Structure formats: C-alpha cells, structure tokens
C-alpha cells in the first residue's frame, strides 16, 4: 500500500497543522498506560487501534513536518542496489563495489547482483563520519603542535 505522493516540502499550512497536532499527540501519549491506543477519524467516525510505537513514530513525523523537514520512511531491513547504496554514500557505484569487495561493507549476492542492507550502509556512513571528524581533529592538533595556527 503506497499512500504517499512523491517527496515535497510541507506547505506553511501543513507545518502549522503538524506542529499543533504534534503537541497534542505528544501530550496524549504521555498519559497512555497501554501498548496500543484507539484513535478516531472524525470525518468518518472510524476507530482504529494503533500500537503505541506507531503513534510515537507518527509524533516524530509530525514534529519534523512542523519544522518543514522532508520525511521519508524506509524499512530498516530493506535491501539496496549498489546504485542506491552509492547514492546514499555520495560516491560512485564502482567505488562502492570496491568497498564491498574489500569487505568494508557487508553484502549478499542475488544471482550476479549485489544487495546491501540499508542498516549496513548507515553503519558504514556513520563510521566514515566519525573517521572524518577524527582526521580533522588530528590535523588541527598537528597544526597547533607545529605552530601553524593561532590559539
């Protein structure tokens, strides 16, 4: 079931509504003592039981929408093509394939095609960012030791 249209920034009206809804939903969630809640769609009088974790996720979506942020939901266990994974990392597909073949990112093969788990790409990207930050700190420390920067 695909109910969402292509990604687009929330309108100012959507942002206002989302912000107001987030505030009300966050308050309501704090008072719940159960694993599920029942919500009602006013226009149809339809009542729907929803797991509390789904309500919390809805709250996060509303919070982000209220701030004007684009939202995309991806199941964590999603397998990505090498092209999609390369786009997530901001590198070329051949470079990604080299990372895979060097064992830096886990992957599986489906026939001749490589598939990478979404969470493995996120882990690698986070490791890359940590390493980049550490490299910058090391360069700054080396510059300071060599008197190349003013303190």
C-alpha atoms as a PDB file:
ATOM      1  CA  UNK A   1       0.000   0.000   0.000  1.00  0.00           C
ATOM      2  CA  UNK A   2       1.545   3.284  -1.117  1.00  0.00           C
ATOM      3  CA  UNK A   3      -0.493   6.237   0.147  1.00  0.00           C
ATOM      4  CA  UNK A   4       2.198   8.890  -0.147  1.00  0.00           C
ATOM      5  CA  UNK A   5       2.903  11.137  -3.094  1.00  0.00           C
ATOM      6  CA  UNK A   6       6.485  11.931  -4.160  1.00  0.00           C
ATOM      7  CA  UNK A   7       8.511  13.837  -1.550  1.00  0.00           C
ATOM      8  CA  UNK A   8       7.811  17.527  -1.298  1.00  0.00           C
ATOM      9  CA  UNK A   9       8.380  20.083   1.409  1.00  0.00           C
ATOM     10  CA  UNK A  10       5.339  20.625   3.661  1.00  0.00           C
ATOM     11  CA  UNK A  11       3.388  23.808   2.963  1.00  0.00           C
ATOM     12  CA  UNK A  12       3.210  26.512   5.635  1.00  0.00           C
ATOM     13  CA  UNK A  13      -0.348  25.407   6.448  1.00  0.00           C
ATOM     14  CA  UNK A  14       0.754  21.753   6.758  1.00  0.00           C
ATOM     15  CA  UNK A  15       3.598  22.861   9.029  1.00  0.00           C
ATOM     16  CA  UNK A  16       1.198  24.733  11.320  1.00  0.00           C
ATOM     17  CA  UNK A  17      -1.229  21.804  11.481  1.00  0.00           C
ATOM     18  CA  UNK A  18       1.590  19.303  12.050  1.00  0.00           C
ATOM     19  CA  UNK A  19       3.091  21.407  14.860  1.00  0.00           C
ATOM     20  CA  UNK A  20      -0.266  21.723  16.611  1.00  0.00           C
ATOM     21  CA  UNK A  21      -1.002  18.012  16.125  1.00  0.00           C
ATOM     22  CA  UNK A  22       2.433  17.012  17.409  1.00  0.00           C
ATOM     23  CA  UNK A  23       1.938  18.962  20.608  1.00  0.00           C
ATOM     24  CA  UNK A  24      -1.461  17.335  21.236  1.00  0.00           C
ATOM     25  CA  UNK A  25      -0.258  13.843  20.315  1.00  0.00           C
ATOM     26  CA  UNK A  26       2.890  14.057  22.469  1.00  0.00           C
ATOM     27  CA  UNK A  27       0.765  15.113  25.428  1.00  0.00           C
ATOM     28  CA  UNK A  28      -1.752  12.307  24.836  1.00  0.00           C
ATOM     29  CA  UNK A  29       0.970   9.654  24.505  1.00  0.00           C
ATOM     30  CA  UNK A  30       2.387  10.608  27.923  1.00  0.00           C
ATOM     31  CA  UNK A  31      -0.930   9.686  29.532  1.00  0.00           C
ATOM     32  CA  UNK A  32      -1.263   6.261  27.912  1.00  0.00           C
ATOM     33  CA  UNK A  33      -0.665   3.153  30.030  1.00  0.00           C
ATOM     34  CA  UNK A  34      -1.079   0.547  27.314  1.00  0.00           C
ATOM     35  CA  UNK A  35       0.694  -0.946  24.287  1.00  0.00           C
ATOM     36  CA  UNK A  36      -1.979   0.297  21.919  1.00  0.00           C
ATOM     37  CA  UNK A  37      -4.356   3.199  21.592  1.00  0.00           C
ATOM     38  CA  UNK A  38      -7.567   3.768  19.745  1.00  0.00           C
ATOM     39  CA  UNK A  39      -7.878   6.852  17.595  1.00  0.00           C
ATOM     40  CA  UNK A  40     -10.940   8.108  15.772  1.00  0.00           C
ATOM     41  CA  UNK A  41     -11.118   9.716  12.347  1.00  0.00           C
ATOM     42  CA  UNK A  42     -13.673  12.433  12.975  1.00  0.00           C
ATOM     43  CA  UNK A  43     -14.892  12.741   9.377  1.00  0.00           C
ATOM     44  CA  UNK A  44     -15.748   9.024   9.070  1.00  0.00           C
ATOM     45  CA  UNK A  45     -16.308   8.138  12.742  1.00  0.00           C
ATOM     46  CA  UNK A  46     -13.973   5.218  12.136  1.00  0.00           C
ATOM     47  CA  UNK A  47     -11.998   3.976  15.159  1.00  0.00           C
ATOM     48  CA  UNK A  48      -8.582   2.479  14.599  1.00  0.00           C
ATOM     49  CA  UNK A  49      -6.357   0.615  17.084  1.00  0.00           C
ATOM     50  CA  UNK A  50      -2.710   1.585  16.731  1.00  0.00           C
ATOM     51  CA  UNK A  51       0.385   0.239  18.511  1.00  0.00           C
ATOM     52  CA  UNK A  52       1.909   2.857  20.799  1.00  0.00           C
ATOM     53  CA  UNK A  53       5.218   2.675  18.892  1.00  0.00           C
ATOM     54  CA  UNK A  54       3.376   3.591  15.682  1.00  0.00           C
ATOM     55  CA  UNK A  55       1.856   6.596  17.473  1.00  0.00           C
ATOM     56  CA  UNK A  56       5.318   7.639  18.645  1.00  0.00           C
ATOM     57  CA  UNK A  57       6.590   7.355  15.059  1.00  0.00           C
ATOM     58  CA  UNK A  58       3.638   9.467  13.899  1.00  0.00           C
ATOM     59  CA  UNK A  59       4.644  12.005  16.537  1.00  0.00           C
ATOM     60  CA  UNK A  60       8.187  12.153  15.133  1.00  0.00           C
ATOM     61  CA  UNK A  61       6.796  12.595  11.624  1.00  0.00           C
ATOM     62  CA  UNK A  62       4.533  15.437  12.773  1.00  0.00           C
ATOM     63  CA  UNK A  63       7.416  17.068  14.650  1.00  0.00           C
ATOM     64  CA  UNK A  64       9.626  17.006  11.543  1.00  0.00           C
ATOM     65  CA  UNK A  65       6.784  18.220   9.307  1.00  0.00           C
ATOM     66  CA  UNK A  66       6.111  21.061  11.734  1.00  0.00           C
ATOM     67  CA  UNK A  67       9.740  22.124  11.244  1.00  0.00           C
ATOM     68  CA  UNK A  68       9.329  21.997   7.462  1.00  0.00           C
ATOM     69  CA  UNK A  69      11.525  18.930   7.047  1.00  0.00           C
ATOM     70  CA  UNK A  70      11.042  16.420   4.230  1.00  0.00           C
ATOM     71  CA  UNK A  71      10.081  12.966   5.506  1.00  0.00           C
ATOM     72  CA  UNK A  72      10.893   9.562   4.073  1.00  0.00           C
ATOM     73  CA  UNK A  73      10.211   6.244   5.770  1.00  0.00           C
ATOM     74  CA  UNK A  74      12.369   3.272   4.827  1.00  0.00           C
ATOM     75  CA  UNK A  75      12.098  -0.162   6.445  1.00  0.00           C
ATOM     76  CA  UNK A  76      15.435  -0.877   8.122  1.00  0.00           C
ATOM     77  CA  UNK A  77      15.769  -4.363   6.609  1.00  0.00           C
ATOM     78  CA  UNK A  78      15.477  -3.005   3.059  1.00  0.00           C
ATOM     79  CA  UNK A  79      17.997  -4.395   0.577  1.00  0.00           C
ATOM     80  CA  UNK A  80      19.539  -1.737  -1.655  1.00  0.00           C
ATOM     81  CA  UNK A  81      21.061  -1.991  -5.095  1.00  0.00           C
ATOM     82  CA  UNK A  82      24.671  -0.906  -5.463  1.00  0.00           C
ATOM     83  CA  UNK A  83      23.495   2.246  -7.261  1.00  0.00           C
ATOM     84  CA  UNK A  84      21.088   3.212  -4.446  1.00  0.00           C
ATOM     85  CA  UNK A  85      23.732   2.490  -1.793  1.00  0.00           C
ATOM     86  CA  UNK A  86      26.324   4.558  -3.695  1.00  0.00           C
ATOM     87  CA  UNK A  87      23.876   7.469  -3.862  1.00  0.00           C
ATOM     88  CA  UNK A  88      23.324   7.257  -0.102  1.00  0.00           C
ATOM     89  CA  UNK A  89      27.071   7.437   0.478  1.00  0.00           C
ATOM     90  CA  UNK A  90      27.640  10.111  -2.143  1.00  0.00           C
ATOM     91  CA  UNK A  91      30.151   8.046  -4.088  1.00  0.00           C
ATOM     92  CA  UNK A  92      30.311   6.307  -7.446  1.00  0.00           C
ATOM     93  CA  UNK A  93      28.926   2.819  -7.943  1.00  0.00           C
ATOM     94  CA  UNK A  94      32.377   1.423  -8.893  1.00  0.00           C
ATOM     95  CA  UNK A  95      33.855   2.865  -5.675  1.00  0.00           C
ATOM     96  CA  UNK A  96      31.065   1.248  -3.659  1.00  0.00           C
ATOM     97  CA  UNK A  97      31.665  -2.105  -5.379  1.00  0.00           C
ATOM     98  CA  UNK A  98      35.341  -1.828  -4.393  1.00  0.00           C
ATOM     99  CA  UNK A  99      34.313  -1.192  -0.766  1.00  0.00           C
ATOM    100  CA  UNK A 100      32.069  -4.263  -0.915  1.00  0.00           C
ATOM    101  CA  UNK A 101      34.738  -6.476  -2.462  1.00  0.00           C
ATOM    102  CA  UNK A 102      37.310  -5.250   0.104  1.00  0.00           C
ATOM    103  CA  UNK A 103      34.931  -6.396   2.875  1.00  0.00           C
ATOM    104  CA  UNK A 104      34.326  -2.908   4.271  1.00  0.00           C
ATOM    105  CA  UNK A 105      30.551  -3.232   3.857  1.00  0.00           C
ATOM    106  CA  UNK A 106      28.594  -6.487   4.151  1.00  0.00           C
ATOM    107  CA  UNK A 107      26.532  -7.585   1.151  1.00  0.00           C
ATOM    108  CA  UNK A 108      24.793 -10.579  -0.353  1.00  0.00           C
ATOM    109  CA  UNK A 109      24.605 -11.741  -3.920  1.00  0.00           C
ATOM    110  CA  UNK A 110      21.333 -12.444  -5.677  1.00  0.00           C
ATOM    111  CA  UNK A 111      22.418 -14.107  -8.889  1.00  0.00           C
ATOM    112  CA  UNK A 112      25.065 -11.744 -10.278  1.00  0.00           C
ATOM    113  CA  UNK A 113      23.689  -8.726  -8.408  1.00  0.00           C
ATOM    114  CA  UNK A 114      24.991  -7.411  -5.089  1.00  0.00           C
ATOM    115  CA  UNK A 115      22.477  -6.311  -2.453  1.00  0.00           C
ATOM    116  CA  UNK A 116      23.320  -4.266   0.618  1.00  0.00           C
ATOM    117  CA  UNK A 117      21.195  -3.930   3.740  1.00  0.00           C
ATOM    118  CA  UNK A 118      20.081  -0.376   4.484  1.00  0.00           C
ATOM    119  CA  UNK A 119      21.328  -0.535   8.075  1.00  0.00           C
ATOM    120  CA  UNK A 120      24.786  -1.714   6.892  1.00  0.00           C
ATOM    121  CA  UNK A 121      25.054   1.391   4.702  1.00  0.00           C
ATOM    122  CA  UNK A 122      24.014   3.599   7.636  1.00  0.00           C
ATOM    123  CA  UNK A 123      26.610   1.947   9.894  1.00  0.00           C
ATOM    124  CA  UNK A 124      29.345   2.460   7.300  1.00  0.00           C
ATOM    125  CA  UNK A 125      28.313   6.085   6.713  1.00  0.00           C
ATOM    126  CA  UNK A 126      28.381   6.776  10.471  1.00  0.00           C
ATOM    127  CA  UNK A 127      31.830   5.151  10.758  1.00  0.00           C
ATOM    128  CA  UNK A 128      33.027   7.287   7.848  1.00  0.00           C
ATOM    129  CA  UNK A 129      31.755  10.464   9.526  1.00  0.00           C
ATOM    130  CA  UNK A 130      33.463   9.545  12.824  1.00  0.00           C
ATOM    131  CA  UNK A 131      36.714   8.888  10.984  1.00  0.00           C
ATOM    132  CA  UNK A 132      36.441  12.202   9.111  1.00  0.00           C
ATOM    133  CA  UNK A 133      35.918  14.096  12.380  1.00  0.00           C
ATOM    134  CA  UNK A 134      38.902  12.336  13.938  1.00  0.00           C
ATOM    135  CA  UNK A 135      41.054  13.176  10.900  1.00  0.00           C
ATOM    136  CA  UNK A 136      40.124  16.860  11.205  1.00  0.00           C
ATOM    137  CA  UNK A 137      40.964  16.834  14.923  1.00  0.00           C
ATOM    138  CA  UNK A 138      44.309  15.148  14.190  1.00  0.00           C
ATOM    139  CA  UNK A 139      45.149  17.740  11.516  1.00  0.00           C
ATOM    140  CA  UNK A 140      44.207  20.605  13.835  1.00  0.00           C
ATOM    141  CA  UNK A 141      46.339  19.138  16.649  1.00  0.00           C
ATOM    142  CA  UNK A 142      49.297  18.655  14.305  1.00  0.00           C
ATOM    143  CA  UNK A 143      48.976  22.244  13.056  1.00  0.00           C
ATOM    144  CA  UNK A 144      48.852  23.508  16.617  1.00  0.00           C
ATOM    145  CA  UNK A 145      51.919  21.467  17.627  1.00  0.00           C
ATOM    146  CA  UNK A 146      53.847  22.832  14.642  1.00  0.00           C
ATOM    147  CA  UNK A 147      52.767  26.399  15.406  1.00  0.00           C
ATOM    148  CA  UNK A 148      50.839  26.750  12.161  1.00  0.00           C
ATOM    149  CA  UNK A 149      47.716  28.204  13.763  1.00  0.00           C
ATOM    150  CA  UNK A 150      46.986  30.911  16.299  1.00  0.00           C
ATOM    151  CA  UNK A 151      45.395  29.843  19.558  1.00  0.00           C
END
